[in-house]
Amino acid sequence: MQGVATRCLYVDLDGTLLGKGGSLLHDGEGAVSLEGARALQTCLRADVEVVLMSGRRRVEVSELARLFGQRAYIFEGGACVVIDAEEHWLTGVRTALSEGPEGLSVAQQMEREGAPALLLSRYRGRLEYHEPWHRGREASHLFRGLLDTSEANRILSEHGHTDVRLFNNGIIRRFPPALASLQTVHAYHLVPAGVSKAAAVALHMRARGYAPQEALAVGDSRMDLECATEVGAFWLVANALKQDPELEVAAAGQPNVYVSESAHGAGVYEAVVKTLMEGRLSGA
């Protein structure tokens, strides 16, 4: 909408802002690239808040947010939104349970209920824990492999696990020996049913008082794409469609979804500049 300023960027990390090896200063092939840093610089100069939204653990996301000079971030795929050091959990009743006498985290509660073991057994040879990044998680279980999430969620439901869901958070480059026969390897998160990046974005926007027309989001996965319903403009970086061609079908019919010409950090920079300069937000 003309005259409406962009106030916030929600941006995914791995496969989006970060390049090969999780580096801010390299592109997807490992060549030196400053475009991701320029995207952050552009936002800072324009007084646009940057909120990292990642499947990574709290310790990783919080440190990056601090390095980028930001006071809010989303970790473990939307399990929690931290705003000015205040935690806002989206894990439902499990959050309260984790503070009870047993002192179990949300992730430990899900493990005790058996959902992770069910998936690992059902998809033996096609799914494993994403070592070592699955360790130390508070509210989710992180896997890698290749499976149909719709089928997996149906199996979970049939076995009584109706309050959790498995989502695909994009392709990973590394092929572990046990999964070498797979065509591609994806990262999968098992989370409480109410957890999503979109829900976390919506919570942050309410807390800050942002209207959809004042926010944009950039990502590379189907989970990221869910955020399109909450913001004025959503961008998929170019490498997202190369990795998962079906994303184009998923994005079809959504008028506020764009695809950048560039990949990784350069794609984020392109999204930021075009949104700021051309007003590519809903209704613009």
Protein backbone atom coordinates (compact mmCIF):
# COMPACT_ATOMS: atom_id res chain seq x y z
CA MET A 1 0.00 0.00 0.00
CA GLN A 2 1.43 3.34 -1.01
CA GLY A 3 2.55 5.36 1.98
CA VAL A 4 2.87 2.34 4.28
CA ALA A 5 6.42 1.87 5.56
CA THR A 6 8.04 -1.51 5.94
CA ARG A 7 8.70 -2.08 9.63
CA CYS A 8 9.81 -5.70 9.95
CA LEU A 9 11.64 -8.47 8.09
CA TYR A 10 11.15 -12.08 9.18
CA VAL A 11 13.98 -14.12 7.69
CA ASP A 12 14.97 -17.78 7.79
CA LEU A 13 18.63 -18.67 8.35
CA ASP A 14 19.85 -21.92 6.75
CA GLY A 15 19.26 -22.02 3.01
CA THR A 16 18.08 -18.40 3.04
CA LEU A 17 20.16 -15.68 4.72
CA LEU A 18 23.12 -18.00 5.25
CA GLY A 19 25.19 -19.67 2.54
CA LYS A 20 27.34 -22.78 2.46
CA GLY A 21 28.33 -24.03 5.89
CA GLY A 22 25.93 -21.63 7.56
CA SER A 23 28.07 -18.61 6.67
CA LEU A 24 26.66 -15.10 6.37
CA LEU A 25 29.60 -14.10 4.16
CA HIS A 26 29.39 -16.91 1.58
CA ASP A 27 26.83 -17.89 -1.05
CA GLY A 28 25.38 -21.33 -1.56
CA GLU A 29 28.46 -22.51 -3.46
CA GLY A 30 30.94 -21.18 -0.94
CA ALA A 31 32.05 -18.07 -2.83
CA VAL A 32 32.51 -14.90 -0.79
CA SER A 33 29.33 -12.82 -0.81
CA LEU A 34 28.37 -9.72 1.18
CA GLU A 35 24.75 -9.49 0.01
CA GLY A 36 23.32 -11.15 3.12
CA ALA A 37 25.13 -8.64 5.30
CA ARG A 38 23.96 -5.84 3.00
CA ALA A 39 20.37 -6.99 3.49
CA LEU A 40 20.79 -6.61 7.23
CA GLN A 41 22.55 -3.25 6.80
CA THR A 42 19.73 -1.98 4.59
CA CYS A 43 17.14 -2.93 7.19
CA LEU A 44 19.10 -1.30 10.01
CA ARG A 45 19.48 1.93 8.04
CA ALA A 46 15.76 1.96 7.20
CA ASP A 47 14.78 1.24 10.84
CA VAL A 48 13.30 -2.13 9.86
CA GLU A 49 13.33 -4.71 12.63
CA VAL A 50 14.91 -8.04 11.66
CA VAL A 51 13.46 -11.15 13.29
CA LEU A 52 15.34 -14.41 12.70
CA MET A 53 12.94 -17.36 12.38
CA SER A 54 14.76 -20.64 12.46
CA GLY A 55 14.52 -24.32 13.27
CA ARG A 56 17.81 -23.94 15.14
CA ARG A 57 18.14 -24.14 18.91
CA ARG A 58 17.74 -21.13 21.19
CA VAL A 59 21.47 -20.77 21.90
CA GLU A 60 22.31 -20.48 18.21
CA VAL A 61 19.52 -18.10 17.21
CA SER A 62 19.85 -15.84 20.25
CA GLU A 63 23.56 -15.32 19.62
CA LEU A 64 23.00 -14.44 15.97
CA ALA A 65 20.20 -12.03 16.90
CA ARG A 66 22.57 -10.33 19.34
CA LEU A 67 25.31 -10.11 16.71
CA PHE A 68 22.83 -8.54 14.28
CA GLY A 69 21.67 -6.04 16.91
CA GLN A 70 18.11 -7.39 17.23
CA ARG A 71 15.98 -7.96 20.34
CA ALA A 72 13.49 -10.53 19.05
CA TYR A 73 13.90 -13.96 17.47
CA ILE A 74 12.03 -17.21 16.81
CA PHE A 75 13.66 -20.58 17.51
CA GLU A 76 12.93 -24.30 17.05
CA GLY A 77 10.57 -23.72 14.16
CA GLY A 78 8.25 -21.37 16.03
CA ALA A 79 8.14 -23.17 19.38
CA CYS A 80 9.06 -19.95 21.13
CA VAL A 81 9.22 -16.24 20.31
CA VAL A 82 11.61 -14.15 22.40
CA ILE A 83 10.76 -10.44 22.47
CA ASP A 84 12.96 -8.11 24.52
CA ALA A 85 14.16 -11.10 26.61
CA GLU A 86 10.56 -12.23 27.34
CA GLU A 87 9.65 -15.76 26.22
CA HIS A 88 6.36 -16.52 24.48
CA TRP A 89 5.84 -20.26 24.07
CA LEU A 90 3.51 -21.76 21.45
CA THR A 91 3.71 -25.32 22.76
CA GLY A 92 0.31 -25.39 24.47
CA VAL A 93 -0.24 -27.37 27.65
CA ARG A 94 3.20 -28.93 27.42
CA THR A 95 4.82 -25.66 28.45
CA ALA A 96 3.04 -25.79 31.80
CA LEU A 97 3.93 -29.45 32.23
CA SER A 98 7.61 -28.69 31.70
CA GLU A 99 7.48 -26.48 34.79
CA GLY A 100 5.88 -29.22 36.90
CA PRO A 101 7.39 -31.56 39.48
CA GLU A 102 9.00 -33.83 36.91
CA GLY A 103 10.82 -30.95 35.25
CA LEU A 104 10.58 -32.44 31.78
CA SER A 105 11.15 -30.22 28.77
CA VAL A 106 8.62 -30.24 25.94
CA ALA A 107 11.03 -32.33 23.86
CA GLN A 108 11.42 -34.84 26.70
CA GLN A 109 7.66 -35.11 27.08
CA MET A 110 7.28 -35.96 23.39
CA GLU A 111 10.04 -38.54 23.69
CA ARG A 112 8.31 -40.16 26.66
CA GLU A 113 5.05 -40.31 24.72
CA GLY A 114 6.78 -42.29 21.96
CA ALA A 115 6.21 -40.20 18.83
CA PRO A 116 9.92 -39.90 17.86
CA ALA A 117 10.50 -43.64 18.32
CA LEU A 118 7.43 -44.41 16.19
CA LEU A 119 8.75 -42.33 13.28
CA LEU A 120 12.26 -43.77 13.48
CA SER A 121 10.87 -47.31 13.49
CA ARG A 122 8.35 -46.72 10.71
CA TYR A 123 10.89 -45.03 8.43
CA ARG A 124 13.95 -47.08 9.27
CA GLY A 125 16.63 -46.48 6.62
CA ARG A 126 14.89 -43.28 5.50
CA LEU A 127 14.94 -41.22 8.67
CA GLU A 128 17.44 -40.58 11.47
CA TYR A 129 18.21 -37.92 14.03
CA HIS A 130 20.04 -34.92 12.56
CA GLU A 131 23.28 -35.48 14.45
CA PRO A 132 24.60 -33.46 16.24
CA TRP A 133 22.04 -30.64 15.93
CA HIS A 134 19.25 -32.72 17.43
CA ARG A 135 20.88 -32.48 20.85
CA GLY A 136 19.94 -29.88 23.46
CA ARG A 137 16.57 -29.05 21.96
CA GLU A 138 13.85 -27.75 24.27
CA ALA A 139 10.63 -28.19 22.33
CA SER A 140 11.22 -30.23 19.19
CA HIS A 141 12.92 -33.27 17.70
CA LEU A 142 15.09 -32.76 14.63
CA PHE A 143 15.48 -35.49 11.98
CA ARG A 144 16.94 -35.83 8.51
CA GLY A 145 15.86 -38.11 5.68
CA LEU A 146 13.21 -38.35 3.02
CA LEU A 147 9.52 -39.08 3.59
CA ASP A 148 5.99 -37.84 2.92
CA THR A 149 5.00 -35.62 5.85
CA SER A 150 1.28 -36.07 5.14
CA GLU A 151 1.69 -39.82 5.49
CA ALA A 152 3.88 -39.45 8.58
CA ASN A 153 1.35 -37.19 10.29
CA ARG A 154 -1.45 -39.64 9.45
CA ILE A 155 0.56 -42.46 11.04
CA LEU A 156 1.20 -40.35 14.13
CA SER A 157 -2.51 -39.61 14.44
CA GLU A 158 -3.49 -43.27 13.97
CA HIS A 159 -1.22 -44.18 16.87
CA GLY A 160 -2.74 -41.59 19.17
CA HIS A 161 -0.21 -38.78 18.67
CA THR A 162 -2.81 -36.23 17.62
CA ASP A 163 -1.20 -33.25 19.33
CA VAL A 164 2.12 -33.28 17.46
CA ARG A 165 3.05 -32.73 13.83
CA LEU A 166 6.04 -33.31 11.58
CA PHE A 167 7.01 -30.61 9.10
CA ASN A 168 9.57 -30.33 6.33
CA ASN A 169 12.05 -27.50 6.88
CA GLY A 170 13.91 -27.84 3.59
CA ILE A 171 16.76 -29.69 1.93
CA ILE A 172 20.14 -30.17 3.60
CA ARG A 173 23.29 -30.68 1.57
CA ARG A 174 25.03 -33.30 3.67
CA PHE A 175 24.36 -36.97 2.84
CA PRO A 176 25.08 -39.10 5.92
CA PRO A 177 26.33 -42.63 5.10
CA ALA A 178 23.14 -44.28 6.34
CA LEU A 179 21.03 -42.16 3.98
CA ALA A 180 23.34 -42.20 0.95
CA SER A 181 20.79 -44.04 -1.19
CA LEU A 182 18.17 -41.30 -0.89
CA GLN A 183 17.58 -38.89 -3.75
CA THR A 184 17.58 -35.88 -1.44
CA VAL A 185 17.85 -35.33 2.30
CA HIS A 186 15.49 -32.99 4.12
CA ALA A 187 15.37 -31.63 7.66
CA TYR A 188 12.21 -32.55 9.57
CA HIS A 189 10.96 -31.14 12.86
CA LEU A 190 8.56 -32.89 15.21
CA VAL A 191 6.75 -30.25 17.26
CA PRO A 192 3.55 -29.75 19.27
CA ALA A 193 0.59 -29.27 16.92
CA GLY A 194 0.25 -25.52 17.49
CA VAL A 195 3.85 -24.73 16.62
CA SER A 196 4.71 -23.05 13.31
CA LYS A 197 6.79 -20.16 12.09
CA ALA A 198 3.58 -18.52 10.83
CA ALA A 199 2.02 -18.62 14.31
CA ALA A 200 5.22 -17.21 15.79
CA VAL A 201 5.29 -14.39 13.23
CA ALA A 202 1.66 -13.57 13.99
CA LEU A 203 2.40 -13.43 17.73
CA HIS A 204 5.36 -11.10 17.23
CA MET A 205 3.34 -8.84 14.95
CA ARG A 206 0.58 -8.53 17.54
CA ALA A 207 3.11 -7.78 20.27
CA ARG A 208 4.79 -5.06 18.20
CA GLY A 209 1.57 -3.70 16.71
CA TYR A 210 2.62 -4.37 13.11
CA ALA A 211 0.02 -4.58 10.35
CA PRO A 212 0.51 -7.20 7.61
CA GLN A 213 1.22 -4.41 5.12
CA GLU A 214 4.22 -3.39 7.23
CA ALA A 215 6.01 -6.73 7.18
CA LEU A 216 7.76 -9.07 4.77
CA ALA A 217 9.22 -12.53 5.18
CA VAL A 218 11.86 -14.46 3.26
CA GLY A 219 12.51 -18.20 3.31
CA ASP A 220 13.30 -21.34 1.37
CA SER A 221 10.94 -24.05 2.64
CA ARG A 222 7.28 -25.01 2.80
CA MET A 223 7.29 -24.18 6.47
CA ASP A 224 8.55 -20.69 5.67
CA LEU A 225 5.92 -20.31 2.94
CA GLU A 226 3.17 -20.66 5.56
CA CYS A 227 4.17 -17.18 6.75
CA ALA A 228 2.75 -15.68 3.54
CA THR A 229 -0.68 -15.59 5.17
CA GLU A 230 0.59 -13.28 7.92
CA VAL A 231 2.67 -10.69 6.05
CA GLY A 232 2.23 -8.26 3.18
CA ALA A 233 4.93 -9.87 1.03
CA PHE A 234 6.65 -13.22 1.15
CA TRP A 235 9.74 -14.08 -0.89
CA LEU A 236 11.19 -17.45 -1.75
CA VAL A 237 14.90 -17.28 -2.54
CA ALA A 238 15.80 -18.71 -5.95
CA ASN A 239 17.52 -21.80 -4.56
CA ALA A 240 14.26 -22.84 -2.88
CA LEU A 241 12.62 -23.81 -6.19
CA LYS A 242 15.75 -25.53 -7.44
CA GLN A 243 15.79 -27.67 -4.31
CA ASP A 244 12.03 -28.29 -4.17
CA PRO A 245 10.20 -27.63 -7.49
CA GLU A 246 6.88 -28.44 -5.83
CA LEU A 247 7.18 -25.18 -3.88
CA GLU A 248 6.11 -23.37 -7.05
CA VAL A 249 2.83 -25.28 -7.00
CA ALA A 250 2.37 -24.57 -3.29
CA ALA A 251 2.95 -20.85 -3.89
CA ALA A 252 0.63 -20.61 -6.90
CA GLY A 253 -2.43 -18.45 -6.40
CA GLN A 254 -0.91 -16.44 -3.58
CA PRO A 255 -0.62 -12.89 -4.96
CA ASN A 256 1.80 -11.71 -2.28
CA VAL A 257 4.39 -14.44 -2.93
CA TYR A 258 7.46 -13.60 -5.01
CA VAL A 259 10.54 -15.53 -6.08
CA SER A 260 13.90 -13.78 -6.11
CA GLU A 261 16.26 -14.05 -9.06
CA SER A 262 19.17 -14.60 -6.69
CA ALA A 263 19.85 -17.33 -4.16
CA HIS A 264 20.60 -17.32 -0.43
CA GLY A 265 21.76 -13.97 1.02
CA ALA A 266 21.68 -12.24 -2.35
CA GLY A 267 18.04 -13.28 -2.66
CA VAL A 268 17.28 -11.78 0.74
CA TYR A 269 18.99 -8.55 -0.29
CA GLU A 270 16.95 -8.49 -3.50
CA ALA A 271 13.73 -9.03 -1.55
CA VAL A 272 14.53 -6.27 0.93
CA VAL A 273 15.55 -3.72 -1.71
CA LYS A 274 12.62 -4.40 -4.02
CA THR A 275 10.15 -4.30 -1.15
CA LEU A 276 11.55 -1.05 0.21
CA MET A 277 12.05 0.62 -3.17
CA GLU A 278 9.06 -0.68 -5.09
CA GLY A 279 6.51 -1.09 -2.30
CA ARG A 280 5.92 -4.78 -2.97
CA LEU A 281 3.57 -5.33 -0.07
CA SER A 282 -0.04 -6.43 -0.10
CA GLY A 283 -2.12 -3.79 -1.82
CA ALA A 284 0.87 -1.88 -3.20
